[in-house]
Each structure stands twice: as C-alpha cells, then as structure tokens.
C-alpha cells in the first residue's frame, strides 16, 4: 500500500472492512512503520484502526513487540471496544496509552541501564541489522510516513542543522 496516497489508503480500508465483516482477523501496525528512533517509545498511531473498529464492531486487541538482544518480546492487552460514539482522537489516545503501558511492562523485565554511547551504538547496530534483513527497505520513505515526525528530536535537530548550515 502506498501510505502517501489517500486513494490507495481508502482502497485498503475498504478491503480490510470486507475482511473483518467476513469474520477474518487482521494484524495492523497502527504506527505505520518501524519505530527506528531512540527518543520515542512509540510513534503516533494512525486513526484508521479506530475507523475499522467503529464500522465493524470488531475489538482492537493491542499487541506490542520489543526487541532486546536476540529476542523479541510480545505482550497483548485486553480487547478495546470502540462504538460509533467514540471520537477518533479519544480512541487513539486510549490505544496509545494501553500500548505504552504494555511496552513499559516489557521494559520492566530488562536490567536497568544508563543511556550512554554503548547503548546508542547497540541501538544503531540493531537498526542496521533490521534494515539489512529487508533489502527493499527504504529508510527515507519509512521516516516520511511517520505521523507527527516534525515533533521528534531527530527531525527538529536535523532541520535546524540544515538551516544553520545554509
């Protein structure tokens, strides 16, 4: 799906509605892409998942994944039911809160570490390892479809740096 095309997004939404109404299940990544930023535990979620739940009555079952060393940890939350009265922003806020809490629950299993160059290097190595596993991965495109990316330190400081060097 071309995540920058409104027409393509609408077509995908209609296909997902058909599948859900037909009794199928979907795995949706509401962040829209991998979170490859060390400064945010989660990226802003896209509202499409709330729209799907509103139109079908199918609950959202939150799932978060966290990679640590060579392991992937997963944690499910309780189903979230959305009705026609649910405001999209309120629904997304609720889902983000639940997912952030699930992520925190996973983090509590790990040893306490201080953020320093070794952790930064470890994070950078993890990102490169993930990217290298997907030869068609386009980092610039993925970062361009992140909602609210203008508020990330990476974006602000890169933009500022570019402006300062002109």
N, C-alpha and C. Protein backbone atom coordinates (compact mmCIF):
# COMPACT_ATOMS: atom_id res chain seq x y z
N UNK A 1 0.84 -1.18 0.00
CA UNK A 1 0.00 0.00 0.00
C UNK A 1 0.89 1.25 0.00
N UNK A 2 0.53 2.19 -0.82
CA UNK A 2 1.23 3.47 -0.82
C UNK A 2 0.64 4.32 0.29
N UNK A 3 1.37 4.47 1.38
CA UNK A 3 0.85 5.16 2.56
C UNK A 3 0.74 6.67 2.37
N UNK A 4 1.20 7.19 1.24
CA UNK A 4 1.07 8.62 0.96
C UNK A 4 -0.12 8.92 0.05
N UNK A 5 -0.75 7.89 -0.47
CA UNK A 5 -1.86 8.05 -1.40
C UNK A 5 -3.20 7.89 -0.67
N UNK A 6 -4.00 8.96 -0.64
CA UNK A 6 -5.31 8.88 0.00
C UNK A 6 -6.19 7.85 -0.70
N UNK A 7 -6.10 7.80 -2.02
CA UNK A 7 -6.89 6.85 -2.80
C UNK A 7 -6.51 5.41 -2.44
N UNK A 8 -5.22 5.15 -2.34
CA UNK A 8 -4.74 3.82 -2.00
C UNK A 8 -5.12 3.44 -0.58
N UNK A 9 -5.04 4.40 0.33
CA UNK A 9 -5.43 4.14 1.72
C UNK A 9 -6.91 3.79 1.81
N UNK A 10 -7.74 4.51 1.07
CA UNK A 10 -9.17 4.26 1.07
C UNK A 10 -9.47 2.87 0.52
N UNK A 11 -8.80 2.48 -0.55
CA UNK A 11 -8.97 1.16 -1.14
C UNK A 11 -8.58 0.07 -0.13
N UNK A 12 -7.48 0.28 0.58
CA UNK A 12 -7.03 -0.68 1.59
C UNK A 12 -8.02 -0.76 2.75
N UNK A 13 -8.54 0.40 3.17
CA UNK A 13 -9.52 0.43 4.24
C UNK A 13 -10.75 -0.39 3.85
N UNK A 14 -11.24 -0.20 2.62
CA UNK A 14 -12.40 -0.95 2.15
C UNK A 14 -12.14 -2.46 2.12
N UNK A 15 -10.95 -2.84 1.72
CA UNK A 15 -10.60 -4.27 1.70
C UNK A 15 -10.57 -4.83 3.12
N UNK A 16 -10.00 -4.06 4.06
CA UNK A 16 -9.94 -4.52 5.44
C UNK A 16 -11.34 -4.61 6.05
N UNK A 17 -12.22 -3.65 5.72
CA UNK A 17 -13.60 -3.70 6.20
C UNK A 17 -14.28 -4.97 5.71
N UNK A 18 -14.08 -5.31 4.44
CA UNK A 18 -14.68 -6.51 3.87
C UNK A 18 -14.18 -7.76 4.59
N UNK A 19 -12.89 -7.83 4.85
CA UNK A 19 -12.32 -8.99 5.54
C UNK A 19 -12.88 -9.11 6.97
N UNK A 20 -12.89 -8.00 7.70
CA UNK A 20 -13.39 -8.04 9.08
C UNK A 20 -14.87 -8.40 9.13
N UNK A 21 -15.65 -7.84 8.21
CA UNK A 21 -17.08 -8.16 8.17
C UNK A 21 -17.32 -9.61 7.76
N UNK A 22 -16.35 -10.21 7.09
CA UNK A 22 -16.43 -11.61 6.70
C UNK A 22 -15.90 -12.56 7.77
N UNK A 23 -15.61 -12.03 8.95
CA UNK A 23 -15.16 -12.88 10.06
C UNK A 23 -13.67 -13.13 10.12
N UNK A 24 -12.90 -12.49 9.28
CA UNK A 24 -11.44 -12.65 9.29
C UNK A 24 -10.82 -11.74 10.34
N UNK A 25 -9.59 -12.05 10.71
CA UNK A 25 -8.82 -11.21 11.62
C UNK A 25 -7.70 -10.53 10.85
N UNK A 26 -7.27 -9.40 11.35
CA UNK A 26 -6.18 -8.66 10.73
C UNK A 26 -5.12 -8.32 11.78
N UNK A 27 -3.89 -8.27 11.35
CA UNK A 27 -2.81 -7.74 12.17
C UNK A 27 -2.44 -6.40 11.56
N UNK A 28 -2.67 -5.34 12.30
CA UNK A 28 -2.43 -3.99 11.79
C UNK A 28 -1.36 -3.33 12.65
N UNK A 29 -0.44 -2.66 12.01
CA UNK A 29 0.59 -1.89 12.72
C UNK A 29 0.18 -0.42 12.67
N UNK A 30 -0.52 0.07 13.70
CA UNK A 30 -1.06 1.43 13.64
C UNK A 30 0.00 2.53 13.68
N UNK A 31 1.25 2.18 13.99
CA UNK A 31 2.31 3.18 13.91
C UNK A 31 2.64 3.46 12.44
N UNK A 32 2.35 2.51 11.58
CA UNK A 32 2.55 2.70 10.14
C UNK A 32 3.92 2.30 9.64
N UNK A 33 4.87 2.14 10.52
CA UNK A 33 6.22 1.76 10.13
C UNK A 33 6.98 1.36 11.39
N UNK A 34 8.19 0.88 11.21
CA UNK A 34 9.03 0.56 12.36
C UNK A 34 9.38 1.84 13.11
N UNK A 35 9.45 1.72 14.39
CA UNK A 35 9.94 2.83 15.19
C UNK A 35 11.46 2.69 15.27
N UNK A 36 12.15 3.47 14.48
CA UNK A 36 13.61 3.41 14.45
C UNK A 36 14.23 4.64 15.09
N UNK A 37 13.51 5.26 16.02
CA UNK A 37 14.03 6.43 16.72
C UNK A 37 14.28 6.07 18.18
N UNK A 38 15.45 6.40 18.69
CA UNK A 38 15.75 6.05 20.08
C UNK A 38 15.07 6.97 21.09
N UNK A 39 14.49 8.07 20.63
CA UNK A 39 13.96 9.06 21.56
C UNK A 39 12.49 8.89 21.91
N UNK A 40 11.78 8.00 21.20
CA UNK A 40 10.36 7.82 21.45
C UNK A 40 10.06 6.33 21.61
N UNK A 41 9.35 5.98 22.67
CA UNK A 41 8.99 4.57 22.82
C UNK A 41 8.00 4.10 21.75
N UNK A 42 7.15 5.03 21.28
CA UNK A 42 6.17 4.70 20.25
C UNK A 42 6.02 5.87 19.30
N UNK A 43 5.68 5.56 18.08
CA UNK A 43 5.34 6.61 17.11
C UNK A 43 3.85 6.92 17.25
N UNK A 44 3.40 8.09 16.80
CA UNK A 44 1.97 8.39 16.83
C UNK A 44 1.20 7.37 15.99
N UNK A 45 0.05 6.98 16.48
CA UNK A 45 -0.75 5.96 15.79
C UNK A 45 -1.64 6.60 14.73
N UNK A 46 -1.88 5.85 13.67
CA UNK A 46 -2.81 6.28 12.63
C UNK A 46 -4.24 5.95 13.04
N UNK A 47 -5.19 6.77 12.63
CA UNK A 47 -6.58 6.65 13.06
C UNK A 47 -7.36 5.58 12.34
N UNK A 48 -6.83 5.01 11.28
CA UNK A 48 -7.57 4.02 10.51
C UNK A 48 -8.05 2.84 11.35
N UNK A 49 -7.27 2.45 12.33
CA UNK A 49 -7.63 1.32 13.16
C UNK A 49 -8.90 1.61 13.97
N UNK A 50 -9.06 2.86 14.39
CA UNK A 50 -10.26 3.26 15.12
C UNK A 50 -11.46 3.24 14.18
N UNK A 51 -11.27 3.71 12.96
CA UNK A 51 -12.35 3.71 11.97
C UNK A 51 -12.81 2.28 11.66
N UNK A 52 -11.86 1.36 11.52
CA UNK A 52 -12.21 -0.04 11.27
C UNK A 52 -13.03 -0.61 12.42
N UNK A 53 -12.61 -0.35 13.64
CA UNK A 53 -13.33 -0.87 14.82
C UNK A 53 -14.72 -0.25 14.92
N UNK A 54 -14.83 1.05 14.62
CA UNK A 54 -16.13 1.72 14.67
C UNK A 54 -17.10 1.12 13.66
N UNK A 55 -16.63 0.89 12.45
CA UNK A 55 -17.52 0.44 11.38
C UNK A 55 -17.86 -1.04 11.45
N UNK A 56 -17.05 -1.84 12.13
CA UNK A 56 -17.28 -3.28 12.16
C UNK A 56 -17.71 -3.81 13.51
N UNK A 57 -17.42 -3.05 14.58
CA UNK A 57 -17.72 -3.56 15.92
C UNK A 57 -16.71 -4.59 16.40
N UNK A 58 -15.67 -4.82 15.61
CA UNK A 58 -14.62 -5.77 15.98
C UNK A 58 -13.67 -5.08 16.96
N UNK A 59 -13.38 -5.73 18.10
CA UNK A 59 -12.49 -5.08 19.06
C UNK A 59 -11.05 -5.01 18.56
N UNK A 60 -10.32 -4.08 19.11
CA UNK A 60 -8.88 -3.95 18.86
C UNK A 60 -8.17 -4.70 19.98
N UNK A 61 -7.32 -5.64 19.62
CA UNK A 61 -6.54 -6.36 20.63
C UNK A 61 -5.11 -5.82 20.54
N UNK A 62 -4.72 -4.97 21.50
CA UNK A 62 -3.38 -4.37 21.45
C UNK A 62 -2.27 -5.41 21.58
N UNK A 63 -1.22 -5.21 20.81
CA UNK A 63 -0.04 -6.07 20.84
C UNK A 63 1.18 -5.18 20.66
N UNK A 64 2.16 -5.34 21.53
CA UNK A 64 3.42 -4.62 21.34
C UNK A 64 4.56 -5.63 21.27
N UNK A 65 5.56 -5.28 20.50
CA UNK A 65 6.76 -6.09 20.36
C UNK A 65 7.95 -5.26 20.80
N UNK A 66 8.88 -5.89 21.46
CA UNK A 66 10.09 -5.21 21.89
C UNK A 66 11.26 -6.15 21.64
N UNK A 67 12.26 -5.65 20.93
CA UNK A 67 13.44 -6.44 20.65
C UNK A 67 14.52 -6.10 21.68
N UNK A 68 15.06 -7.15 22.28
CA UNK A 68 16.12 -6.96 23.27
C UNK A 68 17.12 -8.08 23.05
N UNK A 69 18.34 -7.70 22.79
CA UNK A 69 19.38 -8.67 22.43
C UNK A 69 18.92 -9.42 21.19
N UNK A 70 18.88 -10.71 21.26
CA UNK A 70 18.46 -11.52 20.11
C UNK A 70 17.03 -12.02 20.25
N UNK A 71 16.29 -11.46 21.19
CA UNK A 71 14.92 -11.93 21.45
C UNK A 71 13.88 -10.87 21.09
N UNK A 72 12.70 -11.35 20.73
CA UNK A 72 11.57 -10.47 20.52
C UNK A 72 10.54 -10.81 21.59
N UNK A 73 10.18 -9.81 22.38
CA UNK A 73 9.19 -9.98 23.44
C UNK A 73 7.87 -9.41 22.94
N UNK A 74 6.78 -10.13 23.25
CA UNK A 74 5.45 -9.69 22.84
C UNK A 74 4.53 -9.65 24.05
N UNK A 75 3.63 -8.68 24.04
CA UNK A 75 2.65 -8.59 25.12
C UNK A 75 1.33 -8.11 24.54
N UNK A 76 0.26 -8.84 24.88
CA UNK A 76 -1.09 -8.50 24.45
C UNK A 76 -1.83 -7.77 25.56
N UNK A 77 -2.69 -6.86 25.16
CA UNK A 77 -3.57 -6.18 26.10
C UNK A 77 -4.98 -6.70 25.97
N UNK A 78 -5.84 -6.24 26.86
CA UNK A 78 -7.25 -6.61 26.79
C UNK A 78 -7.89 -5.96 25.56
N UNK A 79 -8.91 -6.62 25.01
CA UNK A 79 -9.59 -6.02 23.85
C UNK A 79 -10.16 -4.65 24.17
N UNK A 80 -10.09 -3.77 23.19
CA UNK A 80 -10.67 -2.43 23.31
C UNK A 80 -11.85 -2.36 22.34
N UNK A 81 -13.00 -2.05 22.89
CA UNK A 81 -14.21 -1.95 22.07
C UNK A 81 -14.48 -0.49 21.75
N UNK A 82 -14.72 -0.22 20.49
CA UNK A 82 -14.98 1.13 20.00
C UNK A 82 -16.39 1.14 19.43
N UNK A 83 -17.17 2.16 19.77
CA UNK A 83 -18.52 2.25 19.18
C UNK A 83 -18.63 3.51 18.33
N UNK A 84 -19.78 3.71 17.73
CA UNK A 84 -19.98 4.85 16.82
C UNK A 84 -19.87 6.19 17.53
N UNK A 85 -20.01 6.20 18.85
CA UNK A 85 -19.92 7.45 19.60
C UNK A 85 -18.47 7.82 19.93
N UNK A 86 -17.55 6.90 19.72
CA UNK A 86 -16.15 7.13 20.08
C UNK A 86 -15.52 8.13 19.12
N UNK A 87 -14.95 9.17 19.69
CA UNK A 87 -14.20 10.16 18.94
C UNK A 87 -12.87 9.51 18.51
N UNK A 88 -12.46 9.74 17.26
CA UNK A 88 -11.22 9.13 16.77
C UNK A 88 -10.02 9.47 17.66
N UNK A 89 -9.92 10.74 18.05
CA UNK A 89 -8.78 11.16 18.88
C UNK A 89 -8.82 10.46 20.23
N UNK A 90 -10.01 10.37 20.83
CA UNK A 90 -10.14 9.69 22.13
C UNK A 90 -9.78 8.21 22.00
N UNK A 91 -10.22 7.59 20.90
CA UNK A 91 -9.89 6.18 20.67
C UNK A 91 -8.41 5.95 20.50
N UNK A 92 -7.76 6.81 19.73
CA UNK A 92 -6.31 6.70 19.53
C UNK A 92 -5.58 6.95 20.84
N UNK A 93 -6.02 7.94 21.59
CA UNK A 93 -5.38 8.22 22.89
C UNK A 93 -5.46 7.00 23.81
N UNK A 94 -6.62 6.35 23.85
CA UNK A 94 -6.78 5.17 24.68
C UNK A 94 -5.85 4.05 24.22
N UNK A 95 -5.81 3.80 22.91
CA UNK A 95 -4.95 2.75 22.37
C UNK A 95 -3.48 3.05 22.63
N UNK A 96 -3.06 4.30 22.42
CA UNK A 96 -1.67 4.67 22.69
C UNK A 96 -1.31 4.45 24.15
N UNK A 97 -2.22 4.81 25.05
CA UNK A 97 -1.98 4.63 26.49
C UNK A 97 -1.81 3.15 26.84
N UNK A 98 -2.68 2.32 26.29
CA UNK A 98 -2.61 0.89 26.55
C UNK A 98 -1.30 0.32 25.99
N UNK A 99 -0.97 0.68 24.76
CA UNK A 99 0.25 0.15 24.14
C UNK A 99 1.51 0.63 24.85
N UNK A 100 1.52 1.88 25.28
CA UNK A 100 2.69 2.39 26.02
C UNK A 100 2.85 1.65 27.34
N UNK A 101 1.74 1.35 27.98
CA UNK A 101 1.80 0.60 29.25
C UNK A 101 2.30 -0.81 29.02
N UNK A 102 1.84 -1.46 27.96
CA UNK A 102 2.33 -2.80 27.63
C UNK A 102 3.83 -2.78 27.36
N UNK A 103 4.27 -1.76 26.64
CA UNK A 103 5.71 -1.62 26.35
C UNK A 103 6.49 -1.44 27.66
N UNK A 104 5.95 -0.62 28.54
CA UNK A 104 6.60 -0.39 29.84
C UNK A 104 6.68 -1.70 30.62
N UNK A 105 5.61 -2.50 30.59
CA UNK A 105 5.61 -3.79 31.29
C UNK A 105 6.75 -4.68 30.79
N UNK A 106 7.00 -4.67 29.49
CA UNK A 106 8.10 -5.46 28.94
C UNK A 106 9.43 -4.89 29.41
N UNK A 107 9.58 -3.56 29.36
CA UNK A 107 10.84 -2.93 29.76
C UNK A 107 11.20 -3.24 31.21
N UNK A 108 10.21 -3.39 32.04
CA UNK A 108 10.48 -3.67 33.46
C UNK A 108 11.17 -5.01 33.67
N UNK A 109 11.11 -5.90 32.69
CA UNK A 109 11.78 -7.20 32.79
C UNK A 109 13.28 -7.08 32.53
N UNK A 110 13.71 -6.01 31.88
CA UNK A 110 15.10 -5.86 31.49
C UNK A 110 15.90 -5.22 32.63
N UNK A 111 17.22 -5.45 32.63
CA UNK A 111 18.04 -4.80 33.66
C UNK A 111 18.09 -3.28 33.43
N UNK A 112 18.25 -2.56 34.51
CA UNK A 112 18.35 -1.10 34.43
C UNK A 112 19.69 -0.76 33.79
N UNK A 113 19.66 0.15 32.81
CA UNK A 113 20.87 0.58 32.13
C UNK A 113 20.87 2.08 32.00
N UNK A 114 22.03 2.64 31.96
CA UNK A 114 22.15 4.07 31.73
C UNK A 114 22.31 4.29 30.22
N UNK A 115 21.75 5.39 29.78
CA UNK A 115 21.85 5.71 28.36
C UNK A 115 23.21 6.37 28.13
N UNK A 116 24.04 5.75 27.35
CA UNK A 116 25.36 6.31 27.02
C UNK A 116 25.76 5.80 25.65
N UNK A 117 26.96 6.06 25.25
CA UNK A 117 27.39 5.70 23.89
C UNK A 117 27.24 4.22 23.58
N UNK A 118 27.51 3.35 24.55
CA UNK A 118 27.38 1.92 24.27
C UNK A 118 25.95 1.57 23.90
N UNK A 119 24.97 2.12 24.63
CA UNK A 119 23.58 1.84 24.30
C UNK A 119 23.21 2.45 22.96
N UNK A 120 23.73 3.64 22.66
CA UNK A 120 23.47 4.28 21.37
C UNK A 120 24.04 3.42 20.26
N UNK A 121 25.26 2.94 20.44
CA UNK A 121 25.88 2.07 19.43
C UNK A 121 25.09 0.78 19.27
N UNK A 122 24.65 0.21 20.39
CA UNK A 122 23.86 -1.02 20.35
C UNK A 122 22.54 -0.78 19.60
N UNK A 123 21.90 0.37 19.85
CA UNK A 123 20.66 0.70 19.16
C UNK A 123 20.91 0.86 17.66
N UNK A 124 21.96 1.58 17.30
CA UNK A 124 22.29 1.78 15.89
C UNK A 124 22.57 0.44 15.19
N UNK A 125 23.27 -0.46 15.87
CA UNK A 125 23.56 -1.78 15.31
C UNK A 125 22.28 -2.57 15.11
N UNK A 126 21.35 -2.47 16.07
CA UNK A 126 20.07 -3.17 15.96
C UNK A 126 19.29 -2.65 14.76
N UNK A 127 19.26 -1.34 14.57
CA UNK A 127 18.56 -0.74 13.44
C UNK A 127 19.17 -1.22 12.13
N UNK A 128 20.48 -1.19 12.02
CA UNK A 128 21.16 -1.64 10.80
C UNK A 128 20.90 -3.11 10.52
N UNK A 129 20.84 -3.91 11.58
CA UNK A 129 20.57 -5.35 11.42
C UNK A 129 19.16 -5.55 10.89
N UNK A 130 18.19 -4.81 11.42
CA UNK A 130 16.80 -4.93 10.94
C UNK A 130 16.70 -4.50 9.49
N UNK A 131 17.32 -3.36 9.16
CA UNK A 131 17.25 -2.84 7.80
C UNK A 131 17.91 -3.81 6.81
N UNK A 132 19.04 -4.38 7.19
CA UNK A 132 19.75 -5.28 6.27
C UNK A 132 18.96 -6.56 6.01
N UNK A 133 18.04 -6.92 6.90
CA UNK A 133 17.21 -8.11 6.70
C UNK A 133 16.14 -7.89 5.64
N UNK A 134 15.92 -6.64 5.25
CA UNK A 134 14.91 -6.28 4.26
C UNK A 134 15.56 -5.45 3.15
N UNK A 135 16.09 -6.10 2.12
CA UNK A 135 16.82 -5.39 1.06
C UNK A 135 16.04 -4.26 0.39
N UNK A 136 14.70 -4.36 0.33
CA UNK A 136 13.91 -3.33 -0.33
C UNK A 136 13.49 -2.21 0.63
N UNK A 137 13.95 -2.26 1.86
CA UNK A 137 13.59 -1.25 2.86
C UNK A 137 14.14 0.12 2.45
N UNK A 138 13.29 1.11 2.43
CA UNK A 138 13.67 2.47 2.06
C UNK A 138 13.53 3.35 3.30
N UNK A 139 14.63 3.60 3.97
CA UNK A 139 14.61 4.32 5.24
C UNK A 139 13.98 5.70 5.10
N UNK A 140 14.34 6.44 4.08
CA UNK A 140 13.80 7.80 3.90
C UNK A 140 12.29 7.77 3.72
N UNK A 141 11.80 6.82 2.93
CA UNK A 141 10.35 6.70 2.73
C UNK A 141 9.66 6.36 4.05
N UNK A 142 10.20 5.38 4.77
CA UNK A 142 9.59 4.97 6.04
C UNK A 142 9.52 6.14 7.02
N UNK A 143 10.57 6.92 7.09
CA UNK A 143 10.55 8.07 8.01
C UNK A 143 9.57 9.14 7.52
N UNK A 144 9.34 9.20 6.22
CA UNK A 144 8.45 10.24 5.69
C UNK A 144 6.97 9.95 5.96
N UNK A 145 6.63 8.71 6.31
CA UNK A 145 5.22 8.38 6.58
C UNK A 145 4.90 8.33 8.07
N UNK A 146 5.84 8.74 8.90
CA UNK A 146 5.59 8.77 10.34
C UNK A 146 4.74 9.99 10.67
N UNK A 147 3.58 9.74 11.31
CA UNK A 147 2.72 10.85 11.74
C UNK A 147 3.43 11.62 12.85
N UNK A 148 3.38 12.93 12.79
CA UNK A 148 3.95 13.75 13.86
C UNK A 148 5.46 13.75 13.92
N UNK A 149 6.11 13.33 12.83
CA UNK A 149 7.58 13.25 12.85
C UNK A 149 8.23 14.60 13.07
N UNK A 150 7.48 15.66 12.77
CA UNK A 150 8.03 17.01 12.93
C UNK A 150 8.33 17.33 14.39
N UNK A 151 7.78 16.53 15.30
CA UNK A 151 7.99 16.77 16.73
C UNK A 151 9.10 15.93 17.33
N UNK A 152 9.75 15.12 16.51
CA UNK A 152 10.82 14.28 17.05
C UNK A 152 12.13 15.06 17.10
N UNK A 153 12.96 14.80 18.09
CA UNK A 153 14.26 15.47 18.15
C UNK A 153 15.09 15.26 16.89
N UNK A 154 15.01 14.04 16.32
CA UNK A 154 15.78 13.75 15.11
C UNK A 154 15.40 14.69 13.98
N UNK A 155 14.11 14.92 13.81
CA UNK A 155 13.62 15.79 12.74
C UNK A 155 13.96 17.24 13.03
N UNK A 156 13.66 17.68 14.25
CA UNK A 156 13.88 19.08 14.61
C UNK A 156 15.36 19.45 14.50
N UNK A 157 16.24 18.62 15.06
CA UNK A 157 17.65 18.97 15.04
C UNK A 157 18.26 18.83 13.66
N UNK A 158 17.78 17.86 12.87
CA UNK A 158 18.28 17.72 11.51
C UNK A 158 17.87 18.96 10.71
N UNK A 159 16.61 19.34 10.85
CA UNK A 159 16.09 20.51 10.13
C UNK A 159 16.84 21.77 10.58
N UNK A 160 17.00 21.89 11.87
CA UNK A 160 17.70 23.05 12.42
C UNK A 160 19.14 23.09 11.92
N UNK A 161 19.78 21.89 11.93
CA UNK A 161 21.15 21.81 11.48
C UNK A 161 21.26 22.22 10.01
N UNK A 162 20.32 21.75 9.20
CA UNK A 162 20.33 22.09 7.79
C UNK A 162 20.16 23.60 7.63
N UNK A 163 19.24 24.20 8.36
CA UNK A 163 19.01 25.63 8.27
C UNK A 163 20.22 26.44 8.75
N UNK A 164 20.88 25.94 9.77
CA UNK A 164 22.03 26.66 10.33
C UNK A 164 23.23 26.61 9.39
N UNK A 165 23.30 25.56 8.56
CA UNK A 165 24.47 25.44 7.69
C UNK A 165 24.30 26.17 6.38
N UNK A 166 23.13 26.72 6.13
CA UNK A 166 22.88 27.43 4.87
C UNK A 166 23.45 28.81 4.88
